Protein backbone atom coordinates (compact mmCIF):
# COMPACT_ATOMS: atom_id res chain seq x y z
CA UNK A 1 61.46 196.87 87.75
CA UNK A 2 64.24 194.01 88.53
CA UNK A 3 62.13 192.81 91.63
CA UNK A 4 58.84 192.77 89.33
CA UNK A 5 60.78 190.35 86.79
CA UNK A 6 61.23 188.25 89.76
CA UNK A 7 58.12 187.84 90.93
CA UNK A 8 56.66 187.41 86.92
CA UNK A 9 59.58 184.24 86.97
CA UNK A 10 58.38 183.28 90.38
CA UNK A 11 54.82 182.98 89.28
CA UNK A 12 55.74 181.43 86.05
CA UNK A 13 57.77 178.54 87.56
CA UNK A 14 54.71 178.04 90.08
CA UNK A 15 52.17 177.85 87.36
CA UNK A 16 54.36 175.26 85.37
CA UNK A 17 55.32 173.24 88.56
CA UNK A 18 51.28 172.85 89.17
CA UNK A 19 50.53 172.46 85.65
CA UNK A 20 53.19 169.54 85.45
CA UNK A 21 51.17 167.62 88.46
CA UNK A 22 47.64 168.24 87.21
CA UNK A 23 45.42 165.27 86.74
CA UNK A 24 42.83 165.18 84.09
CA UNK A 25 39.47 163.28 85.43
CA UNK A 26 36.73 161.49 83.56
CA UNK A 27 33.86 160.29 85.22
CA UNK A 28 30.75 158.03 84.79
CA UNK A 29 28.32 156.08 87.01
CA UNK A 30 30.69 153.51 88.01
CA UNK A 31 34.46 154.55 87.73
CA UNK A 32 36.36 157.20 87.49
CA UNK A 33 39.39 157.53 84.61
CA UNK A 34 42.66 159.47 86.10
CA UNK A 35 45.35 160.46 83.81
CA UNK A 36 48.32 162.71 84.55
CA UNK A 37 48.20 166.15 82.57
CA UNK A 38 51.76 165.42 81.15
CA UNK A 39 51.33 162.12 80.71
CA UNK A 40 47.87 162.06 78.77
CA UNK A 41 49.91 162.33 75.28
CA UNK A 42 52.47 159.59 76.49
CA UNK A 43 50.53 157.24 78.63
CA UNK A 44 48.53 154.37 76.71
CA UNK A 45 47.35 152.89 80.39
CA UNK A 46 45.51 155.49 82.19
CA UNK A 47 44.73 154.76 86.01
CA UNK A 48 40.91 153.77 86.23
CA UNK A 49 39.09 153.56 89.44
CA UNK A 50 36.24 152.28 91.00
CA UNK A 51 33.66 154.33 93.14
CA UNK A 52 32.60 153.44 96.40
CA UNK A 53 29.88 154.78 97.92
CA UNK A 54 29.89 158.21 99.91
CA UNK A 55 30.23 158.59 103.43
CA UNK A 56 27.43 160.12 105.85
CA UNK A 57 28.17 163.99 106.34
CA UNK A 58 30.80 164.82 108.75
CA UNK A 59 28.86 167.49 110.59
CA UNK A 60 32.50 169.28 112.14
CA UNK A 61 33.86 169.26 108.85
CA UNK A 62 30.47 169.63 106.29
CA UNK A 63 31.91 167.34 104.09
CA UNK A 64 31.52 163.60 103.15
CA UNK A 65 34.10 161.45 101.18
CA UNK A 66 34.52 158.69 98.84
CA UNK A 67 37.01 155.54 98.28
CA UNK A 68 38.11 154.85 95.01
CA UNK A 69 39.72 151.71 94.54
CA UNK A 70 42.13 151.26 91.38
CA UNK A 71 40.49 148.54 88.69
CA UNK A 72 42.91 145.98 88.05
CA UNK A 73 42.99 145.00 84.15
CA UNK A 74 44.30 141.09 83.74
CA UNK A 75 45.43 141.37 87.33
CA UNK A 76 47.82 143.82 86.22
CA UNK A 77 48.49 147.61 87.72
CA UNK A 78 50.34 150.31 86.29
CA UNK A 79 53.62 151.49 88.63
CA UNK A 80 52.26 154.79 88.34
CA UNK A 81 48.57 154.37 89.93
CA UNK A 82 48.05 154.51 93.36
CA UNK A 83 46.24 151.48 95.08
CA UNK A 84 43.26 154.06 96.45
CA UNK A 85 42.66 157.80 96.31
CA UNK A 86 39.88 159.42 98.58
CA UNK A 87 37.87 162.40 97.40
CA UNK A 88 35.78 164.86 99.41
CA UNK A 89 33.15 167.27 98.66
CA UNK A 90 30.96 169.44 100.73
CA UNK A 91 27.66 168.09 102.04
CA UNK A 92 24.68 169.57 100.76
CA UNK A 93 21.66 170.06 102.92
CA UNK A 94 18.19 169.35 102.61
CA UNK A 95 16.80 172.41 103.35
CA UNK A 96 13.39 172.97 101.34
CA UNK A 97 10.99 175.67 101.93
CA UNK A 98 7.67 177.00 101.02
CA UNK A 99 8.28 180.45 99.37
CA UNK A 100 6.28 183.23 100.76
CA UNK A 101 4.81 186.13 98.92
CA UNK A 102 6.92 189.41 98.02
CA UNK A 103 5.87 192.24 99.84
CA UNK A 104 5.14 195.82 98.37
CA UNK A 105 7.89 197.82 97.24
CA UNK A 106 9.51 199.45 100.17
CA UNK A 107 10.85 203.27 100.34
CA UNK A 108 14.48 201.62 99.58
CA UNK A 109 13.12 200.32 96.46
CA UNK A 110 13.29 196.56 97.57
CA UNK A 111 10.71 193.40 97.82
CA UNK A 112 10.74 190.92 100.88
CA UNK A 113 10.04 187.45 100.78
CA UNK A 114 9.71 185.12 103.88
CA UNK A 115 10.44 181.36 103.34
CA UNK A 116 9.25 178.58 105.65
CA UNK A 117 11.19 175.47 106.27
CA UNK A 118 9.10 172.39 105.15
CA UNK A 119 8.40 169.50 107.33
CA UNK A 120 10.50 167.06 105.96
CA UNK A 121 13.79 169.03 105.80
CA UNK A 122 17.04 168.80 107.61
CA UNK A 123 16.76 169.89 111.26
CA UNK A 124 19.95 171.82 111.38
CA UNK A 125 18.36 174.22 108.43
CA UNK A 126 17.23 177.93 109.13
CA UNK A 127 13.56 178.05 110.11
CA UNK A 128 12.93 180.86 108.06
CA UNK A 129 14.86 182.14 104.87
CA UNK A 130 14.53 186.00 104.13
CA UNK A 131 15.17 186.92 100.46
CA UNK A 132 15.28 190.62 99.23
CA UNK A 133 15.32 191.87 95.45
CA UNK A 134 15.02 195.26 94.22
CA UNK A 135 12.15 196.17 92.74
CA UNK A 136 11.80 197.24 88.85
CA UNK A 137 11.77 200.86 87.67
CA UNK A 138 10.55 201.85 91.26
CA UNK A 139 7.02 200.08 90.52
CA UNK A 140 4.92 198.20 93.16
CA UNK A 141 5.21 194.92 93.22
CA UNK A 142 3.08 193.36 90.44
CA UNK A 143 1.40 189.92 89.96
CA UNK A 144 3.59 188.02 87.30
CA UNK A 145 2.26 187.42 84.02
CA UNK A 146 0.98 183.73 84.70
CA UNK A 147 -0.99 185.24 87.97
CA UNK A 148 -2.46 188.11 85.65
CA UNK A 149 -3.73 185.33 83.12
CA UNK A 150 -5.25 183.02 85.61
CA UNK A 151 -7.42 186.38 87.01
CA UNK A 152 -8.43 187.96 84.02
CA UNK A 153 -12.20 187.58 83.03
CA UNK A 154 -12.75 184.34 80.33
CA UNK A 155 -9.11 183.16 80.75
CA UNK A 156 -8.29 182.95 76.80
CA UNK A 157 -6.02 185.49 75.35
CA UNK A 158 -5.79 186.62 71.58
CA UNK A 159 -3.41 187.98 69.93
CA UNK A 160 -4.19 191.61 67.89
CA UNK A 161 -3.95 191.50 64.42
């Protein structure tokens, strides 16, 4: 029991430390506003940054980065604001696929669809993408409602009254 209390206390202290060092980010098209969570109530002058352009994707790390430069207000800068910050995020590949047709339900109650990579997609994308999903109520693959309406004679549908 004593060991459990020590673990709970350690987790609480660690959480308190993390929250004390947290930042609140507000972002729009042109700039980023960063306030420290603890100082959000007391600080009247948060740090404002101008966004730089995103870098090209680094294929080794699959990340891209952007430089944030401190926006100076009347030539003055808060002593607590860093002059520059760098943020990173994962790259998003431009993989575009032509969707194939769903197969009939298999003995395992699954349908399979194979999609083919479109021409102008990123060359590092997989050429084919296979998607599997469960069949509903162990029925064979039926056309969607949109396909039924298009294939029905007359095309117009009336509600019964």
